[in-house]
PDB file of N, CA and C in Angstrom:
ATOM      1  N   MET A   1       0.828  -1.195   0.000  1.00  0.00           N
ATOM      2  CA  MET A   1       0.000   0.000   0.000  1.00  0.00           C
ATOM      3  C   MET A   1       0.871   1.257   0.000  1.00  0.00           C
ATOM      4  N   LEU A   2       1.944   1.199   0.788  1.00  0.00           N
ATOM      5  CA  LEU A   2       2.850   2.340   0.863  1.00  0.00           C
ATOM      6  C   LEU A   2       3.542   2.570  -0.482  1.00  0.00           C
ATOM      7  N   THR A   3       3.826   1.491  -1.194  1.00  0.00           N
ATOM      8  CA  THR A   3       4.479   1.589  -2.494  1.00  0.00           C
ATOM      9  C   THR A   3       3.569   2.299  -3.495  1.00  0.00           C
ATOM     10  N   VAL A   4       2.284   1.987  -3.488  1.00  0.00           N
ATOM     11  CA  VAL A   4       1.322   2.616  -4.403  1.00  0.00           C
ATOM     12  C   VAL A   4       1.231   4.114  -4.122  1.00  0.00           C
ATOM     13  N   LEU A   5       1.161   4.490  -2.856  1.00  0.00           N
ATOM     14  CA  LEU A   5       1.109   5.906  -2.489  1.00  0.00           C
ATOM     15  C   LEU A   5       2.395   6.626  -2.897  1.00  0.00           C
ATOM     16  N   LEU A   6       3.537   5.953  -2.729  1.00  0.00           N
ATOM     17  CA  LEU A   6       4.799   6.546  -3.119  1.00  0.00           C
ATOM     18  C   LEU A   6       4.857   6.766  -4.629  1.00  0.00           C
ATOM     19  N   TYR A   7       4.401   5.764  -5.416  1.00  0.00           N
ATOM     20  CA  TYR A   7       4.350   5.916  -6.879  1.00  0.00           C
ATOM     21  C   TYR A   7       3.412   7.061  -7.276  1.00  0.00           C
ATOM     22  N   LEU A   8       2.284   7.141  -6.623  1.00  0.00           N
ATOM     23  CA  LEU A   8       1.322   8.204  -6.918  1.00  0.00           C
ATOM     24  C   LEU A   8       1.930   9.577  -6.608  1.00  0.00           C
ATOM     25  N   LEU A   9       2.604   9.698  -5.496  1.00  0.00           N
ATOM     26  CA  LEU A   9       3.236  10.959  -5.130  1.00  0.00           C
ATOM     27  C   LEU A   9       4.323  11.339  -6.136  1.00  0.00           C
ATOM     28  N   ILE A  10       5.121  10.374  -6.560  1.00  0.00           N
ATOM     29  CA  ILE A  10       6.176  10.638  -7.541  1.00  0.00           C
ATOM     30  C   ILE A  10       5.566  11.051  -8.871  1.00  0.00           C
ATOM     31  N   MET A  11       4.476  10.404  -9.295  1.00  0.00           N
ATOM     32  CA  MET A  11       3.822  10.764 -10.555  1.00  0.00           C
ATOM     33  C   MET A  11       3.272  12.190 -10.499  1.00  0.00           C
ATOM     34  N   VAL A  12       2.690  12.591  -9.376  1.00  0.00           N
ATOM     35  CA  VAL A  12       2.170  13.942  -9.223  1.00  0.00           C
ATOM     36  C   VAL A  12       3.307  14.956  -9.266  1.00  0.00           C
ATOM     37  N   LEU A  13       4.406  14.669  -8.595  1.00  0.00           N
ATOM     38  CA  LEU A  13       5.556  15.575  -8.606  1.00  0.00           C
ATOM     39  C   LEU A  13       6.161  15.698 -10.000  1.00  0.00           C
ATOM     40  N   VAL A  14       6.312  14.579 -10.714  1.00  0.00           N
ATOM     41  CA  VAL A  14       6.869  14.621 -12.068  1.00  0.00           C
ATOM     42  C   VAL A  14       5.921  15.383 -12.994  1.00  0.00           C
ATOM     43  N   GLY A  15       4.618  15.140 -12.878  1.00  0.00           N
ATOM     44  CA  GLY A  15       3.640  15.862 -13.698  1.00  0.00           C
ATOM     45  C   GLY A  15       3.673  17.356 -13.417  1.00  0.00           C
ATOM     46  N   GLY A  16       3.753  17.729 -12.159  1.00  0.00           N
ATOM     47  CA  GLY A  16       3.839  19.152 -11.803  1.00  0.00           C
ATOM     48  C   GLY A  16       5.111  19.788 -12.319  1.00  0.00           C
ATOM     49  N   LEU A  17       6.217  19.060 -12.233  1.00  0.00           N
ATOM     50  CA  LEU A  17       7.488  19.574 -12.734  1.00  0.00           C
ATOM     51  C   LEU A  17       7.440  19.744 -14.252  1.00  0.00           C
ATOM     52  N   LEU A  18       6.880  18.774 -14.966  1.00  0.00           N
ATOM     53  CA  LEU A  18       6.748  18.885 -16.419  1.00  0.00           C
ATOM     54  C   LEU A  18       5.849  20.066 -16.799  1.00  0.00           C
ATOM     55  N   PHE A  19       4.770  20.244 -16.071  1.00  0.00           N
ATOM     56  CA  PHE A  19       3.870  21.369 -16.347  1.00  0.00           C
ATOM     57  C   PHE A  19       4.605  22.687 -16.126  1.00  0.00           C
ATOM     58  N   PHE A  20       5.345  22.809 -15.043  1.00  0.00           N
ATOM     59  CA  PHE A  20       6.087  24.038 -14.751  1.00  0.00           C
ATOM     60  C   PHE A  20       7.126  24.330 -15.824  1.00  0.00           C
ATOM     61  N   VAL A  21       7.885  23.298 -16.228  1.00  0.00           N
ATOM     62  CA  VAL A  21       8.911  23.488 -17.250  1.00  0.00           C
ATOM     63  C   VAL A  21       8.262  23.891 -18.577  1.00  0.00           C
ATOM     64  N   ALA A  22       7.197  23.209 -18.973  1.00  0.00           N
ATOM     65  CA  ALA A  22       6.538  23.524 -20.246  1.00  0.00           C
ATOM     66  C   ALA A  22       5.955  24.931 -20.232  1.00  0.00           C
ATOM     67  N   SER A  23       5.328  25.330 -19.137  1.00  0.00           N
ATOM     68  CA  SER A  23       4.748  26.670 -19.087  1.00  0.00           C
ATOM     69  C   SER A  23       5.825  27.747 -19.035  1.00  0.00           C
ATOM     70  N   THR A  24       6.965  27.442 -18.465  1.00  0.00           N
ATOM     71  CA  THR A  24       8.060  28.398 -18.449  1.00  0.00           C
ATOM     72  C   THR A  24       8.689  28.540 -19.836  1.00  0.00           C
ATOM     73  N   VAL A  25       8.888  27.414 -20.509  1.00  0.00           N
ATOM     74  CA  VAL A  25       9.535  27.428 -21.819  1.00  0.00           C
ATOM     75  C   VAL A  25       8.609  28.036 -22.873  1.00  0.00           C
ATOM     76  N   PHE A  26       7.366  27.577 -22.920  1.00  0.00           N
ATOM     77  CA  PHE A  26       6.457  28.010 -23.977  1.00  0.00           C
ATOM     78  C   PHE A  26       5.642  29.244 -23.589  1.00  0.00           C
ATOM     79  N   GLY A  27       5.445  29.468 -22.340  1.00  0.00           N
ATOM     80  CA  GLY A  27       4.680  30.635 -21.893  1.00  0.00           C
ATOM     81  C   GLY A  27       3.233  30.545 -22.342  1.00  0.00           C
ATOM     82  N   ARG A  28       2.533  31.655 -22.216  1.00  0.00           N
ATOM     83  CA  ARG A  28       1.127  31.694 -22.616  1.00  0.00           C
ATOM     84  C   ARG A  28       0.956  32.522 -23.873  1.00  0.00           C
ATOM     85  N   GLY A  29       2.029  32.819 -24.562  1.00  0.00           N
ATOM     86  CA  GLY A  29       1.915  33.651 -25.746  1.00  0.00           C
ATOM     87  C   GLY A  29       1.902  35.119 -25.354  1.00  0.00           C
ATOM     88  N   GLU A  30       1.592  35.950 -26.314  1.00  0.00           N
ATOM     89  CA  GLU A  30       1.558  37.388 -26.065  1.00  0.00           C
ATOM     90  C   GLU A  30       0.269  37.743 -25.330  1.00  0.00           C
ATOM     91  N   GLU A  31       0.402  38.357 -24.187  1.00  0.00           N
ATOM     92  CA  GLU A  31      -0.776  38.730 -23.413  1.00  0.00           C
ATOM     93  C   GLU A  31      -1.268  40.099 -23.850  1.00  0.00           C
ATOM     94  N   LEU A  32      -2.578  40.233 -23.943  1.00  0.00           N
ATOM     95  CA  LEU A  32      -3.177  41.511 -24.294  1.00  0.00           C
ATOM     96  C   LEU A  32      -3.231  42.408 -23.067  1.00  0.00           C
ATOM     97  N   PRO A  33      -3.136  43.718 -23.263  1.00  0.00           N
ATOM     98  CA  PRO A  33      -3.246  44.609 -22.102  1.00  0.00           C
ATOM     99  C   PRO A  33      -4.668  44.577 -21.544  1.00  0.00           C
ATOM    100  N   ARG A  34      -4.801  44.850 -20.262  1.00  0.00           N
ATOM    101  CA  ARG A  34      -6.115  44.881 -19.627  1.00  0.00           C
ATOM    102  C   ARG A  34      -6.944  46.025 -20.187  1.00  0.00           C
ATOM    103  N   LEU A  35      -8.268  45.807 -20.258  1.00  0.00           N
ATOM    104  CA  LEU A  35      -9.166  46.876 -20.673  1.00  0.00           C
ATOM    105  C   LEU A  35      -9.279  47.898 -19.548  1.00  0.00           C
ATOM    106  N   PRO A  36      -9.402  49.167 -19.879  1.00  0.00           N
ATOM    107  CA  PRO A  36      -9.605  50.167 -18.821  1.00  0.00           C
ATOM    108  C   PRO A  36     -10.899  49.895 -18.058  1.00  0.00           C
ATOM    109  N   ALA A  37     -10.952  50.307 -16.818  1.00  0.00           N
ATOM    110  CA  ALA A  37     -12.142  50.096 -15.983  1.00  0.00           C
ATOM    111  C   ALA A  37     -13.352  50.764 -16.616  1.00  0.00           C
ATOM    112  N   GLY A  38     -14.478  50.082 -16.582  1.00  0.00           N
ATOM    113  CA  GLY A  38     -15.726  50.639 -17.108  1.00  0.00           C
ATOM    114  C   GLY A  38     -15.897  50.448 -18.598  1.00  0.00           C
ATOM    115  N   THR A  39     -14.971  49.756 -19.260  1.00  0.00           N
ATOM    116  CA  THR A  39     -15.118  49.504 -20.693  1.00  0.00           C
ATOM    117  C   THR A  39     -15.371  48.021 -20.917  1.00  0.00           C
ATOM    118  N   THR A  40     -15.726  47.676 -22.123  1.00  0.00           N
ATOM    119  CA  THR A  40     -16.027  46.297 -22.450  1.00  0.00           C
ATOM    120  C   THR A  40     -15.561  45.993 -23.860  1.00  0.00           C
ATOM    121  N   ALA A  41     -15.290  44.732 -24.121  1.00  0.00           N
ATOM    122  CA  ALA A  41     -14.890  44.319 -25.463  1.00  0.00           C
ATOM    123  C   ALA A  41     -16.115  44.035 -26.327  1.00  0.00           C
ATOM    124  N   THR A  42     -17.299  44.032 -25.733  1.00  0.00           N
ATOM    125  CA  THR A  42     -18.533  43.803 -26.467  1.00  0.00           C
ATOM    126  C   THR A  42     -18.801  45.020 -27.344  1.00  0.00           C
ATOM    127  N   VAL A  43     -19.085  44.793 -28.621  1.00  0.00           N
ATOM    128  CA  VAL A  43     -19.191  45.905 -29.567  1.00  0.00           C
ATOM    129  C   VAL A  43     -20.556  45.907 -30.236  1.00  0.00           C
ATOM    130  N   LEU A  44     -21.199  47.081 -30.265  1.00  0.00           N
ATOM    131  CA  LEU A  44     -22.399  47.336 -31.059  1.00  0.00           C
ATOM    132  C   LEU A  44     -22.191  48.681 -31.738  1.00  0.00           C
ATOM    133  N   PRO A  45     -22.716  48.852 -32.941  1.00  0.00           N
ATOM    134  CA  PRO A  45     -22.562  50.157 -33.595  1.00  0.00           C
ATOM    135  C   PRO A  45     -23.274  51.255 -32.818  1.00  0.00           C
ATOM    136  N   ALA A  46     -22.821  52.491 -33.001  1.00  0.00           N
ATOM    137  CA  ALA A  46     -23.398  53.624 -32.279  1.00  0.00           C
ATOM    138  C   ALA A  46     -24.843  53.871 -32.690  1.00  0.00           C
ATOM    139  N   ARG A  47     -25.170  53.647 -33.955  1.00  0.00           N
ATOM    140  CA  ARG A  47     -26.544  53.826 -34.444  1.00  0.00           C
ATOM    141  C   ARG A  47     -26.840  52.726 -35.445  1.00  0.00           C
ATOM    142  N   GLY A  48     -28.105  52.458 -35.644  1.00  0.00           N
ATOM    143  CA  GLY A  48     -28.497  51.501 -36.671  1.00  0.00           C
ATOM    144  C   GLY A  48     -28.133  50.064 -36.353  1.00  0.00           C
ATOM    145  N   VAL A  49     -28.440  49.619 -35.146  1.00  0.00           N
ATOM    146  CA  VAL A  49     -28.162  48.234 -34.776  1.00  0.00           C
ATOM    147  C   VAL A  49     -29.043  47.316 -35.619  1.00  0.00           C
ATOM    148  N   THR A  50     -28.438  46.325 -36.228  1.00  0.00           N
ATOM    149  CA  THR A  50     -29.187  45.373 -37.049  1.00  0.00           C
ATOM    150  C   THR A  50     -29.285  44.037 -36.339  1.00  0.00           C
ATOM    151  N   GLY A  51     -30.130  43.181 -36.883  1.00  0.00           N
ATOM    152  CA  GLY A  51     -30.266  41.849 -36.308  1.00  0.00           C
ATOM    153  C   GLY A  51     -28.967  41.068 -36.340  1.00  0.00           C
ATOM    154  N   SER A  52     -28.196  41.227 -37.398  1.00  0.00           N
ATOM    155  CA  SER A  52     -26.924  40.500 -37.477  1.00  0.00           C
ATOM    156  C   SER A  52     -25.934  41.014 -36.430  1.00  0.00           C
ATOM    157  N   ASP A  53     -26.020  42.319 -36.085  1.00  0.00           N
ATOM    158  CA  ASP A  53     -25.171  42.851 -35.011  1.00  0.00           C
ATOM    159  C   ASP A  53     -25.495  42.168 -33.692  1.00  0.00           C
ATOM    160  N   VAL A  54     -26.782  42.014 -33.424  1.00  0.00           N
ATOM    161  CA  VAL A  54     -27.204  41.389 -32.165  1.00  0.00           C
ATOM    162  C   VAL A  54     -26.828  39.911 -32.163  1.00  0.00           C
ATOM    163  N   ARG A  55     -27.026  39.226 -33.292  1.00  0.00           N
ATOM    164  CA  ARG A  55     -26.681  37.807 -33.355  1.00  0.00           C
ATOM    165  C   ARG A  55     -25.182  37.571 -33.217  1.00  0.00           C
ATOM    166  N   SER A  56     -24.367  38.531 -33.601  1.00  0.00           N
ATOM    167  CA  SER A  56     -22.920  38.344 -33.514  1.00  0.00           C
ATOM    168  C   SER A  56     -22.344  38.766 -32.166  1.00  0.00           C
ATOM    169  N   LEU A  57     -23.187  39.272 -31.259  1.00  0.00           N
ATOM    170  CA  LEU A  57     -22.697  39.649 -29.925  1.00  0.00           C
ATOM    171  C   LEU A  57     -22.128  38.435 -29.210  1.00  0.00           C
ATOM    172  N   ARG A  58     -21.009  38.607 -28.576  1.00  0.00           N
ATOM    173  CA  ARG A  58     -20.405  37.573 -27.757  1.00  0.00           C
ATOM    174  C   ARG A  58     -19.992  38.220 -26.448  1.00  0.00           C
ATOM    175  N   PHE A  59     -20.292  37.558 -25.351  1.00  0.00           N
ATOM    176  CA  PHE A  59     -19.975  38.081 -24.029  1.00  0.00           C
ATOM    177  C   PHE A  59     -18.874  37.245 -23.406  1.00  0.00           C
ATOM    178  N   GLN A  60     -18.055  37.891 -22.605  1.00  0.00           N
ATOM    179  CA  GLN A  60     -16.988  37.193 -21.902  1.00  0.00           C
ATOM    180  C   GLN A  60     -17.607  36.281 -20.854  1.00  0.00           C
ATOM    181  N   GLN A  61     -17.173  35.029 -20.825  1.00  0.00           N
ATOM    182  CA  GLN A  61     -17.706  34.100 -19.836  1.00  0.00           C
ATOM    183  C   GLN A  61     -16.865  34.150 -18.570  1.00  0.00           C
ATOM    184  N   THR A  62     -17.571  34.073 -17.465  1.00  0.00           N
ATOM    185  CA  THR A  62     -16.902  34.028 -16.170  1.00  0.00           C
ATOM    186  C   THR A  62     -17.262  32.707 -15.511  1.00  0.00           C
ATOM    187  N   LEU A  63     -16.825  32.523 -14.304  1.00  0.00           N
ATOM    188  CA  LEU A  63     -17.042  31.266 -13.607  1.00  0.00           C
ATOM    189  C   LEU A  63     -18.528  30.937 -13.476  1.00  0.00           C
ATOM    190  N   ARG A  64     -19.357  31.947 -13.264  1.00  0.00           N
ATOM    191  CA  ARG A  64     -20.777  31.691 -13.018  1.00  0.00           C
ATOM    192  C   ARG A  64     -21.665  32.178 -14.160  1.00  0.00           C
ATOM    193  N   GLY A  65     -21.170  32.224 -15.380  1.00  0.00           N
ATOM    194  CA  GLY A  65     -22.001  32.635 -16.514  1.00  0.00           C
ATOM    195  C   GLY A  65     -21.310  33.700 -17.337  1.00  0.00           C
ATOM    196  N   TYR A  66     -22.061  34.705 -17.729  1.00  0.00           N
ATOM    197  CA  TYR A  66     -21.506  35.794 -18.529  1.00  0.00           C
ATOM    198  C   TYR A  66     -21.202  36.986 -17.632  1.00  0.00           C
ATOM    199  N   LYS A  67     -20.314  37.829 -18.101  1.00  0.00           N
ATOM    200  CA  LYS A  67     -19.940  39.019 -17.343  1.00  0.00           C
ATOM    201  C   LYS A  67     -21.140  39.962 -17.315  1.00  0.00           C
ATOM    202  N   ALA A  68     -21.674  40.203 -16.146  1.00  0.00           N
ATOM    203  CA  ALA A  68     -22.921  40.954 -15.993  1.00  0.00           C
ATOM    204  C   ALA A  68     -22.823  42.364 -16.568  1.00  0.00           C
ATOM    205  N   GLY A  69     -21.705  43.018 -16.419  1.00  0.00           N
ATOM    206  CA  GLY A  69     -21.551  44.377 -16.937  1.00  0.00           C
ATOM    207  C   GLY A  69     -21.699  44.444 -18.445  1.00  0.00           C
ATOM    208  N   GLU A  70     -21.167  43.444 -19.148  1.00  0.00           N
ATOM    209  CA  GLU A  70     -21.276  43.425 -20.606  1.00  0.00           C
ATOM    210  C   GLU A  70     -22.720  43.187 -21.042  1.00  0.00           C
ATOM    211  N   VAL A  71     -23.402  42.263 -20.380  1.00  0.00           N
ATOM    212  CA  VAL A  71     -24.792  41.969 -20.730  1.00  0.00           C
ATOM    213  C   VAL A  71     -25.667  43.187 -20.445  1.00  0.00           C
ATOM    214  N   ASP A  72     -25.467  43.825 -19.288  1.00  0.00           N
ATOM    215  CA  ASP A  72     -26.236  45.026 -18.951  1.00  0.00           C
ATOM    216  C   ASP A  72     -26.005  46.132 -19.971  1.00  0.00           C
ATOM    217  N   TRP A  73     -24.741  46.300 -20.389  1.00  0.00           N
ATOM    218  CA  TRP A  73     -24.427  47.333 -21.370  1.00  0.00           C
ATOM    219  C   TRP A  73     -25.146  47.050 -22.688  1.00  0.00           C
ATOM    220  N   ALA A  74     -25.105  45.796 -23.146  1.00  0.00           N
ATOM    221  CA  ALA A  74     -25.738  45.456 -24.421  1.00  0.00           C
ATOM    222  C   ALA A  74     -27.253  45.651 -24.339  1.00  0.00           C
ATOM    223  N   LEU A  75     -27.868  45.236 -23.243  1.00  0.00           N
ATOM    224  CA  LEU A  75     -29.313  45.405 -23.104  1.00  0.00           C
ATOM    225  C   LEU A  75     -29.693  46.877 -23.048  1.00  0.00           C
ATOM    226  N   ASP A  76     -28.907  47.681 -22.343  1.00  0.00           N
ATOM    227  CA  ASP A  76     -29.172  49.116 -22.277  1.00  0.00           C
ATOM    228  C   ASP A  76     -29.030  49.744 -23.655  1.00  0.00           C
ATOM    229  N   ARG A  77     -28.001  49.366 -24.373  1.00  0.00           N
ATOM    230  CA  ARG A  77     -27.770  49.901 -25.720  1.00  0.00           C
ATOM    231  C   ARG A  77     -28.918  49.529 -26.656  1.00  0.00           C
ATOM    232  N   LEU A  78     -29.354  48.273 -26.609  1.00  0.00           N
ATOM    233  CA  LEU A  78     -30.471  47.851 -27.453  1.00  0.00           C
ATOM    234  C   LEU A  78     -31.764  48.543 -27.046  1.00  0.00           C
ATOM    235  N   GLY A  79     -31.962  48.752 -25.750  1.00  0.00           N
ATOM    236  CA  GLY A  79     -33.143  49.472 -25.279  1.00  0.00           C
ATOM    237  C   GLY A  79     -33.183  50.896 -25.790  1.00  0.00           C
ATOM    238  N   ARG A  80     -32.024  51.565 -25.765  1.00  0.00           N
ATOM    239  CA  ARG A  80     -31.977  52.929 -26.292  1.00  0.00           C
ATOM    240  C   ARG A  80     -32.239  52.961 -27.788  1.00  0.00           C
ATOM    241  N   GLU A  81     -31.737  51.967 -28.506  1.00  0.00           N
ATOM    242  CA  GLU A  81     -31.970  51.910 -29.956  1.00  0.00           C
ATOM    243  C   GLU A  81     -33.459  51.702 -30.252  1.00  0.00           C
ATOM    244  N   ILE A  82     -34.098  50.840 -29.494  1.00  0.00           N
ATOM    245  CA  ILE A  82     -35.537  50.604 -29.683  1.00  0.00           C
ATOM    246  C   ILE A  82     -36.324  51.864 -29.366  1.00  0.00           C
ATOM    247  N   ASP A  83     -35.984  52.548 -28.271  1.00  0.00           N
ATOM    248  CA  ASP A  83     -36.671  53.799 -27.927  1.00  0.00           C
ATOM    249  C   ASP A  83     -36.504  54.840 -29.023  1.00  0.00           C
ATOM    250  N   SER A  84     -35.297  54.923 -29.581  1.00  0.00           N
ATOM    251  CA  SER A  84     -35.041  55.872 -30.654  1.00  0.00           C
ATOM    252  C   SER A  84     -35.876  55.543 -31.884  1.00  0.00           C
ATOM    253  N   LEU A  85     -35.931  54.277 -32.244  1.00  0.00           N
ATOM    254  CA  LEU A  85     -36.720  53.871 -33.415  1.00  0.00           C
ATOM    255  C   LEU A  85     -38.208  54.123 -33.196  1.00  0.00           C
ATOM    256  N   ARG A  86     -38.696  53.861 -32.008  1.00  0.00           N
ATOM    257  CA  ARG A  86     -40.108  54.121 -31.706  1.00  0.00           C
ATOM    258  C   ARG A  86     -40.412  55.620 -31.780  1.00  0.00           C
ATOM    259  N   ALA A  87     -39.488  56.439 -31.293  1.00  0.00           N
ATOM    260  CA  ALA A  87     -39.688  57.888 -31.366  1.00  0.00           C
ATOM    261  C   ALA A  87     -39.712  58.349 -32.826  1.00  0.00           C
ATOM    262  N   GLN A  88     -38.844  57.798 -33.650  1.00  0.00           N
ATOM    263  CA  GLN A  88     -38.832  58.142 -35.069  1.00  0.00           C
ATOM    264  C   GLN A  88     -40.131  57.713 -35.745  1.00  0.00           C
ATOM    265  N   LEU A  89     -40.631  56.542 -35.403  1.00  0.00           N
ATOM    266  CA  LEU A  89     -41.902  56.072 -35.980  1.00  0.00           C
ATOM    267  C   LEU A  89     -43.065  56.959 -35.550  1.00  0.00           C
ATOM    268  N   ALA A  90     -43.088  57.325 -34.278  1.00  0.00           N
ATOM    269  CA  ALA A  90     -44.161  58.179 -33.777  1.00  0.00           C
ATOM    270  C   ALA A  90     -44.112  59.548 -34.451  1.00  0.00           C
ATOM    271  N   GLU A  91     -42.919  60.065 -34.649  1.00  0.00           N
ATOM    272  CA  GLU A  91     -42.745  61.359 -35.305  1.00  0.00           C
ATOM    273  C   GLU A  91     -43.220  61.283 -36.762  1.00  0.00           C
ATOM    274  N   ARG A  92     -42.910  60.214 -37.432  1.00  0.00           N
ATOM    275  CA  ARG A  92     -43.294  60.047 -38.825  1.00  0.00           C
ATOM    276  C   ARG A  92     -44.804  59.837 -38.977  1.00  0.00           C
ATOM    277  N   ASP A  93     -45.395  59.151 -38.009  1.00  0.00           N
ATOM    278  CA  ASP A  93     -46.822  58.817 -38.095  1.00  0.00           C
ATOM    279  C   ASP A  93     -47.738  59.905 -37.572  1.00  0.00           C
ATOM    280  N   GLY A  94     -47.246  61.050 -37.257  1.00  0.00           N
ATOM    281  CA  GLY A  94     -48.125  62.147 -36.881  1.00  0.00           C
ATOM    282  C   GLY A  94     -47.870  62.736 -35.517  1.00  0.00           C
ATOM    283  N   GLY A  95     -46.846  62.343 -34.847  1.00  0.00           N
ATOM    284  CA  GLY A  95     -46.496  62.989 -33.601  1.00  0.00           C
ATOM    285  C   GLY A  95     -47.287  62.508 -32.395  1.00  0.00           C
ATOM    286  N   GLY A  96     -48.126  61.503 -32.543  1.00  0.00           N
ATOM    287  CA  GLY A  96     -48.863  60.974 -31.396  1.00  0.00           C
ATOM    288  C   GLY A  96     -47.933  60.208 -30.487  1.00  0.00           C
ATOM    289  N   PRO A  97     -48.411  59.889 -29.296  1.00  0.00           N
ATOM    290  CA  PRO A  97     -47.567  59.125 -28.382  1.00  0.00           C
ATOM    291  C   PRO A  97     -47.323  57.728 -28.949  1.00  0.00           C
ATOM    292  N   PRO A  98     -46.140  57.197 -28.775  1.00  0.00           N
ATOM    293  CA  PRO A  98     -45.859  55.865 -29.301  1.00  0.00           C
ATOM    294  C   PRO A  98     -46.693  54.810 -28.596  1.00  0.00           C
ATOM    295  N   VAL A  99     -47.133  53.845 -29.350  1.00  0.00           N
ATOM    296  CA  VAL A  99     -47.936  52.752 -28.806  1.00  0.00           C
ATOM    297  C   VAL A  99     -46.977  51.745 -28.197  1.00  0.00           C
ATOM    298  N   PRO A 100     -47.203  51.360 -26.930  1.00  0.00           N
ATOM    299  CA  PRO A 100     -46.286  50.392 -26.323  1.00  0.00           C
ATOM    300  C   PRO A 100     -46.383  49.049 -27.030  1.00  0.00           C
ATOM    301  N   ALA A 101     -45.249  48.391 -27.149  1.00  0.00           N
ATOM    302  CA  ALA A 101     -45.207  47.089 -27.812  1.00  0.00           C
ATOM    303  C   ALA A 101     -45.729  46.021 -26.870  1.00  0.00           C
ATOM    304  N   PRO A 102     -46.377  45.001 -27.422  1.00  0.00           N
ATOM    305  CA  PRO A 102     -46.818  43.900 -26.554  1.00  0.00           C
ATOM    306  C   PRO A 102     -45.598  43.161 -26.019  1.00  0.00           C
ATOM    307  N   THR A 103     -45.730  42.635 -24.828  1.00  0.00           N
ATOM    308  CA  THR A 103     -44.618  41.922 -24.219  1.00  0.00           C
ATOM    309  C   THR A 103     -44.919  40.436 -24.235  1.00  0.00           C
ATOM    310  N   ASP A 104     -43.872  39.678 -24.153  1.00  0.00           N
ATOM    311  CA  ASP A 104     -44.020  38.217 -24.144  1.00  0.00           C
ATOM    312  C   ASP A 104     -43.863  37.642 -22.748  1.00  0.00           C
ATOM    313  N   ARG A 105     -43.849  38.489 -21.753  1.00  0.00           N
ATOM    314  CA  ARG A 105     -43.702  38.001 -20.400  1.00  0.00           C
ATOM    315  C   ARG A 105     -44.996  37.384 -19.921  1.00  0.00           C
ATOM    316  N   PRO A 106     -44.950  36.215 -19.275  1.00  0.00           N
ATOM    317  CA  PRO A 106     -46.170  35.532 -18.843  1.00  0.00           C
ATOM    318  C   PRO A 106     -47.015  36.362 -17.894  1.00  0.00           C
ATOM    319  N   GLY A 107     -46.420  37.187 -17.060  1.00  0.00           N
ATOM    320  CA  GLY A 107     -47.184  37.974 -16.105  1.00  0.00           C
ATOM    321  C   GLY A 107     -48.023  39.055 -16.772  1.00  0.00           C
ATOM    322  N   ASP A 108     -47.689  39.435 -18.004  1.00  0.00           N
ATOM    323  CA  ASP A 108     -48.405  40.503 -18.683  1.00  0.00           C
ATOM    324  C   ASP A 108     -49.545  39.993 -19.552  1.00  0.00           C
ATOM    325  N   LEU A 109     -49.626  38.694 -19.755  1.00  0.00           N
ATOM    326  CA  LEU A 109     -50.670  38.145 -20.612  1.00  0.00           C
ATOM    327  C   LEU A 109     -51.985  38.054 -19.849  1.00  0.00           C
ATOM    328  N   GLU A 110     -53.082  38.346 -20.512  1.00  0.00           N
ATOM    329  CA  GLU A 110     -54.387  38.248 -19.853  1.00  0.00           C
ATOM    330  C   GLU A 110     -55.314  37.410 -20.673  1.00  0.00           C
TER     331      GLU A 110
END
């Protein structure tokens, strides 16, 4: 039993040593600089968001899902674009108040 534990310990040490040597020799490649605080790599155009823009959105994954700041930013940006488009439609259709869009949330259905 002691021999098996000794072999296991030696295998773990050799594996750790090989990992350390390989990571030292090969490194992780060229590292990108950190993004400034409050910015995100998620990109949407400033105006005229299209369906393909939304479909191509990719968020940075973290341990527990997606990075909340990036998702919040994208949703806020899309919300502003929708509000802008609704205002343009209302202006074109005679200046009346915009008609709220139906929602798909179960709590709103009657």
